[in-house]
């Protein structure tokens, strides 16, 4: 029995469109957040190093 692909089930067909849409929405939302509140400060979190004890 030969099974054929249905065009409605082919996920690769719509991948570039969906990827472009999601990237566009992410850029748009990020831009809106920074335009609405430009005082957002992005700071790196300083990591606290725990002392390393090596026993022999």
PDB file of N, CA and C in Angstrom:
ATOM      1  N   UNK A   1       0.845  -1.180   0.000  1.00  0.00           N
ATOM      2  CA  UNK A   1       0.000   0.000   0.000  1.00  0.00           C
ATOM      3  C   UNK A   1       0.891   1.244   0.000  1.00  0.00           C
ATOM      4  N   UNK A   2       0.682   2.146  -0.895  1.00  0.00           N
ATOM      5  CA  UNK A   2       1.463   3.369  -1.019  1.00  0.00           C
ATOM      6  C   UNK A   2       0.768   4.473  -0.215  1.00  0.00           C
ATOM      7  N   UNK A   3       1.577   5.094   0.664  1.00  0.00           N
ATOM      8  CA  UNK A   3       1.027   6.195   1.454  1.00  0.00           C
ATOM      9  C   UNK A   3       1.599   7.496   0.926  1.00  0.00           C
ATOM     10  N   UNK A   4       0.765   8.417   0.599  1.00  0.00           N
ATOM     11  CA  UNK A   4       1.185   9.708   0.075  1.00  0.00           C
ATOM     12  C   UNK A   4       1.066  10.774   1.152  1.00  0.00           C
ATOM     13  N   UNK A   5       1.938  11.775   1.067  1.00  0.00           N
ATOM     14  CA  UNK A   5       1.873  12.884   2.016  1.00  0.00           C
ATOM     15  C   UNK A   5       0.729  13.812   1.659  1.00  0.00           C
ATOM     16  N   UNK A   6       0.049  14.252   2.660  1.00  0.00           N
ATOM     17  CA  UNK A   6      -0.983  15.252   2.456  1.00  0.00           C
ATOM     18  C   UNK A   6      -0.349  16.632   2.617  1.00  0.00           C
ATOM     19  N   UNK A   7      -0.685  17.566   1.775  1.00  0.00           N
ATOM     20  CA  UNK A   7      -0.120  18.910   1.864  1.00  0.00           C
ATOM     21  C   UNK A   7      -0.557  19.613   3.142  1.00  0.00           C
ATOM     22  N   UNK A   8      -1.657  19.208   3.722  1.00  0.00           N
ATOM     23  CA  UNK A   8      -2.137  19.824   4.958  1.00  0.00           C
ATOM     24  C   UNK A   8      -1.308  19.369   6.165  1.00  0.00           C
ATOM     25  N   UNK A   9      -0.565  18.278   6.028  1.00  0.00           N
ATOM     26  CA  UNK A   9       0.197  17.725   7.144  1.00  0.00           C
ATOM     27  C   UNK A   9       1.687  18.023   6.994  1.00  0.00           C
ATOM     28  N   UNK A  10       2.119  18.541   5.884  1.00  0.00           N
ATOM     29  CA  UNK A  10       3.529  18.795   5.625  1.00  0.00           C
ATOM     30  C   UNK A  10       3.989  20.009   6.434  1.00  0.00           C
ATOM     31  N   UNK A  11       4.714  19.755   7.536  1.00  0.00           N
ATOM     32  CA  UNK A  11       5.132  20.837   8.424  1.00  0.00           C
ATOM     33  C   UNK A  11       6.268  21.657   7.837  1.00  0.00           C
ATOM     34  N   UNK A  12       7.091  21.051   6.983  1.00  0.00           N
ATOM     35  CA  UNK A  12       8.218  21.775   6.401  1.00  0.00           C
ATOM     36  C   UNK A  12       7.754  22.874   5.454  1.00  0.00           C
ATOM     37  N   UNK A  13       6.583  22.742   4.923  1.00  0.00           N
ATOM     38  CA  UNK A  13       6.071  23.702   3.949  1.00  0.00           C
ATOM     39  C   UNK A  13       5.846  25.084   4.572  1.00  0.00           C
ATOM     40  N   UNK A  14       5.388  25.111   5.819  1.00  0.00           N
ATOM     41  CA  UNK A  14       5.055  26.374   6.471  1.00  0.00           C
ATOM     42  C   UNK A  14       6.117  26.830   7.465  1.00  0.00           C
ATOM     43  N   UNK A  15       7.205  26.083   7.606  1.00  0.00           N
ATOM     44  CA  UNK A  15       8.225  26.422   8.597  1.00  0.00           C
ATOM     45  C   UNK A  15       8.829  27.809   8.381  1.00  0.00           C
ATOM     46  N   UNK A  16       9.287  28.175   7.173  1.00  0.00           N
ATOM     47  CA  UNK A  16       9.878  29.517   7.014  1.00  0.00           C
ATOM     48  C   UNK A  16       8.896  30.638   7.342  1.00  0.00           C
ATOM     49  N   UNK A  17       7.641  30.483   6.974  1.00  0.00           N
ATOM     50  CA  UNK A  17       6.644  31.515   7.269  1.00  0.00           C
ATOM     51  C   UNK A  17       6.426  31.630   8.776  1.00  0.00           C
ATOM     52  N   UNK A  18       6.290  30.507   9.458  1.00  0.00           N
ATOM     53  CA  UNK A  18       6.055  30.536  10.900  1.00  0.00           C
ATOM     54  C   UNK A  18       7.268  31.069  11.652  1.00  0.00           C
ATOM     55  N   UNK A  19       8.462  30.704  11.198  1.00  0.00           N
ATOM     56  CA  UNK A  19       9.680  31.198  11.838  1.00  0.00           C
ATOM     57  C   UNK A  19       9.788  32.709  11.663  1.00  0.00           C
ATOM     58  N   UNK A  20       9.539  33.199  10.458  1.00  0.00           N
ATOM     59  CA  UNK A  20       9.590  34.640  10.212  1.00  0.00           C
ATOM     60  C   UNK A  20       8.559  35.392  11.031  1.00  0.00           C
ATOM     61  N   UNK A  21       7.366  34.825  11.147  1.00  0.00           N
ATOM     62  CA  UNK A  21       6.313  35.462  11.943  1.00  0.00           C
ATOM     63  C   UNK A  21       6.705  35.534  13.413  1.00  0.00           C
ATOM     64  N   UNK A  22       7.240  34.455  13.957  1.00  0.00           N
ATOM     65  CA  UNK A  22       7.597  34.440  15.378  1.00  0.00           C
ATOM     66  C   UNK A  22       8.768  35.367  15.675  1.00  0.00           C
ATOM     67  N   UNK A  23       9.759  35.405  14.783  1.00  0.00           N
ATOM     68  CA  UNK A  23      10.889  36.320  14.990  1.00  0.00           C
ATOM     69  C   UNK A  23      10.407  37.768  14.883  1.00  0.00           C
ATOM     70  N   UNK A  24       9.547  38.049  13.931  1.00  0.00           N
ATOM     71  CA  UNK A  24       9.009  39.402  13.780  1.00  0.00           C
ATOM     72  C   UNK A  24       8.222  39.849  14.999  1.00  0.00           C
ATOM     73  N   UNK A  25       7.404  38.962  15.533  1.00  0.00           N
ATOM     74  CA  UNK A  25       6.631  39.300  16.741  1.00  0.00           C
ATOM     75  C   UNK A  25       7.548  39.517  17.940  1.00  0.00           C
ATOM     76  N   UNK A  26       8.583  38.720  18.073  1.00  0.00           N
ATOM     77  CA  UNK A  26       9.520  38.882  19.190  1.00  0.00           C
ATOM     78  C   UNK A  26      10.241  40.227  19.101  1.00  0.00           C
ATOM     79  N   UNK A  27      10.665  40.606  17.901  1.00  0.00           N
ATOM     80  CA  UNK A  27      11.338  41.894  17.714  1.00  0.00           C
ATOM     81  C   UNK A  27      10.368  43.037  17.989  1.00  0.00           C
ATOM     82  N   UNK A  28       9.153  42.919  17.509  1.00  0.00           N
ATOM     83  CA  UNK A  28       8.147  43.959  17.726  1.00  0.00           C
ATOM     84  C   UNK A  28       7.832  44.135  19.211  1.00  0.00           C
ATOM     85  N   UNK A  29       7.630  43.049  19.915  1.00  0.00           N
ATOM     86  CA  UNK A  29       7.322  43.139  21.344  1.00  0.00           C
ATOM     87  C   UNK A  29       8.504  43.693  22.134  1.00  0.00           C
ATOM     88  N   UNK A  30       9.714  43.281  21.799  1.00  0.00           N
ATOM     89  CA  UNK A  30      10.899  43.805  22.489  1.00  0.00           C
ATOM     90  C   UNK A  30      11.038  45.300  22.253  1.00  0.00           C
ATOM     91  N   UNK A  31      10.822  45.724  21.016  1.00  0.00           N
ATOM     92  CA  UNK A  31      10.906  47.153  20.695  1.00  0.00           C
ATOM     93  C   UNK A  31       9.840  47.940  21.446  1.00  0.00           C
ATOM     94  N   UNK A  32       8.626  47.410  21.499  1.00  0.00           N
ATOM     95  CA  UNK A  32       7.549  48.105  22.218  1.00  0.00           C
ATOM     96  C   UNK A  32       7.866  48.258  23.698  1.00  0.00           C
ATOM     97  N   UNK A  33       8.416  47.227  24.299  1.00  0.00           N
ATOM     98  CA  UNK A  33       8.748  47.294  25.720  1.00  0.00           C
ATOM     99  C   UNK A  33       9.789  48.374  25.974  1.00  0.00           C
ATOM    100  N   UNK A  34      10.820  48.448  25.129  1.00  0.00           N
ATOM    101  CA  UNK A  34      11.862  49.453  25.339  1.00  0.00           C
ATOM    102  C   UNK A  34      11.414  50.852  24.956  1.00  0.00           C
ATOM    103  N   UNK A  35      10.448  50.984  24.053  1.00  0.00           N
ATOM    104  CA  UNK A  35       9.927  52.314  23.704  1.00  0.00           C
ATOM    105  C   UNK A  35       9.005  52.810  24.806  1.00  0.00           C
ATOM    106  N   UNK A  36       8.180  51.929  25.351  1.00  0.00           N
ATOM    107  CA  UNK A  36       7.240  52.322  26.401  1.00  0.00           C
ATOM    108  C   UNK A  36       7.972  52.673  27.692  1.00  0.00           C
ATOM    109  N   UNK A  37       8.983  51.883  28.053  1.00  0.00           N
ATOM    110  CA  UNK A  37       9.709  52.122  29.300  1.00  0.00           C
ATOM    111  C   UNK A  37      11.210  52.143  29.010  1.00  0.00           C
ATOM    112  N   UNK A  38      11.744  53.293  28.569  1.00  0.00           N
ATOM    113  CA  UNK A  38      13.169  53.339  28.203  1.00  0.00           C
ATOM    114  C   UNK A  38      14.118  53.292  29.399  1.00  0.00           C
ATOM    115  N   UNK A  39      13.589  53.378  30.608  1.00  0.00           N
ATOM    116  CA  UNK A  39      14.452  53.386  31.784  1.00  0.00           C
ATOM    117  C   UNK A  39      14.750  51.988  32.306  1.00  0.00           C
ATOM    118  N   UNK A  40      14.434  50.992  31.544  1.00  0.00           N
ATOM    119  CA  UNK A  40      14.739  49.633  31.979  1.00  0.00           C
ATOM    120  C   UNK A  40      16.247  49.464  31.982  1.00  0.00           C
ATOM    121  N   UNK A  41      16.763  49.088  33.125  1.00  0.00           N
ATOM    122  CA  UNK A  41      18.208  48.903  33.255  1.00  0.00           C
ATOM    123  C   UNK A  41      18.504  47.409  33.244  1.00  0.00           C
ATOM    124  N   UNK A  42      19.327  47.023  32.320  1.00  0.00           N
ATOM    125  CA  UNK A  42      19.716  45.622  32.236  1.00  0.00           C
ATOM    126  C   UNK A  42      21.094  45.485  32.853  1.00  0.00           C
ATOM    127  N   UNK A  43      21.172  44.758  33.933  1.00  0.00           N
ATOM    128  CA  UNK A  43      22.432  44.585  34.638  1.00  0.00           C
ATOM    129  C   UNK A  43      22.733  43.103  34.772  1.00  0.00           C
ATOM    130  N   UNK A  44      23.987  42.790  34.706  1.00  0.00           N
ATOM    131  CA  UNK A  44      24.396  41.403  34.897  1.00  0.00           C
ATOM    132  C   UNK A  44      24.364  41.089  36.393  1.00  0.00           C
ATOM    133  N   UNK A  45      23.924  39.911  36.714  1.00  0.00           N
ATOM    134  CA  UNK A  45      23.880  39.477  38.104  1.00  0.00           C
ATOM    135  C   UNK A  45      25.251  38.929  38.479  1.00  0.00           C
ATOM    136  N   UNK A  46      25.812  39.465  39.532  1.00  0.00           N
ATOM    137  CA  UNK A  46      27.129  39.007  39.968  1.00  0.00           C
ATOM    138  C   UNK A  46      26.979  37.663  40.675  1.00  0.00           C
ATOM    139  N   UNK A  47      27.768  36.728  40.245  1.00  0.00           N
ATOM    140  CA  UNK A  47      27.701  35.415  40.890  1.00  0.00           C
ATOM    141  C   UNK A  47      28.590  35.413  42.126  1.00  0.00           C
ATOM    142  N   UNK A  48      28.152  34.697  43.120  1.00  0.00           N
ATOM    143  CA  UNK A  48      28.901  34.583  44.362  1.00  0.00           C
ATOM    144  C   UNK A  48      29.617  33.238  44.329  1.00  0.00           C
ATOM    145  N   UNK A  49      30.931  33.293  44.364  1.00  0.00           N
ATOM    146  CA  UNK A  49      31.707  32.061  44.336  1.00  0.00           C
ATOM    147  C   UNK A  49      31.795  31.483  45.746  1.00  0.00           C
ATOM    148  N   UNK A  50      31.481  30.211  45.835  1.00  0.00           N
ATOM    149  CA  UNK A  50      31.603  29.534  47.117  1.00  0.00           C
ATOM    150  C   UNK A  50      33.057  29.090  47.259  1.00  0.00           C
ATOM    151  N   UNK A  51      33.591  29.132  48.467  1.00  0.00           N
ATOM    152  CA  UNK A  51      34.964  28.672  48.649  1.00  0.00           C
ATOM    153  C   UNK A  51      35.094  27.176  48.345  1.00  0.00           C
ATOM    154  N   UNK A  52      36.183  26.837  47.714  1.00  0.00           N
ATOM    155  CA  UNK A  52      36.405  25.457  47.319  1.00  0.00           C
ATOM    156  C   UNK A  52      37.376  24.835  48.300  1.00  0.00           C
ATOM    157  N   UNK A  53      36.936  23.778  48.950  1.00  0.00           N
ATOM    158  CA  UNK A  53      37.778  23.070  49.912  1.00  0.00           C
ATOM    159  C   UNK A  53      38.124  21.706  49.339  1.00  0.00           C
ATOM    160  N   UNK A  54      39.411  21.464  49.192  1.00  0.00           N
ATOM    161  CA  UNK A  54      39.867  20.179  48.648  1.00  0.00           C
ATOM    162  C   UNK A  54      40.563  19.430  49.780  1.00  0.00           C
ATOM    163  N   UNK A  55      40.061  18.258  50.066  1.00  0.00           N
ATOM    164  CA  UNK A  55      40.681  17.436  51.117  1.00  0.00           C
ATOM    165  C   UNK A  55      41.433  16.299  50.461  1.00  0.00           C
ATOM    166  N   UNK A  56      42.623  16.062  50.960  1.00  0.00           N
ATOM    167  CA  UNK A  56      43.440  14.960  50.447  1.00  0.00           C
ATOM    168  C   UNK A  56      43.536  13.844  51.460  1.00  0.00           C
TER     169      UNK A  56
END
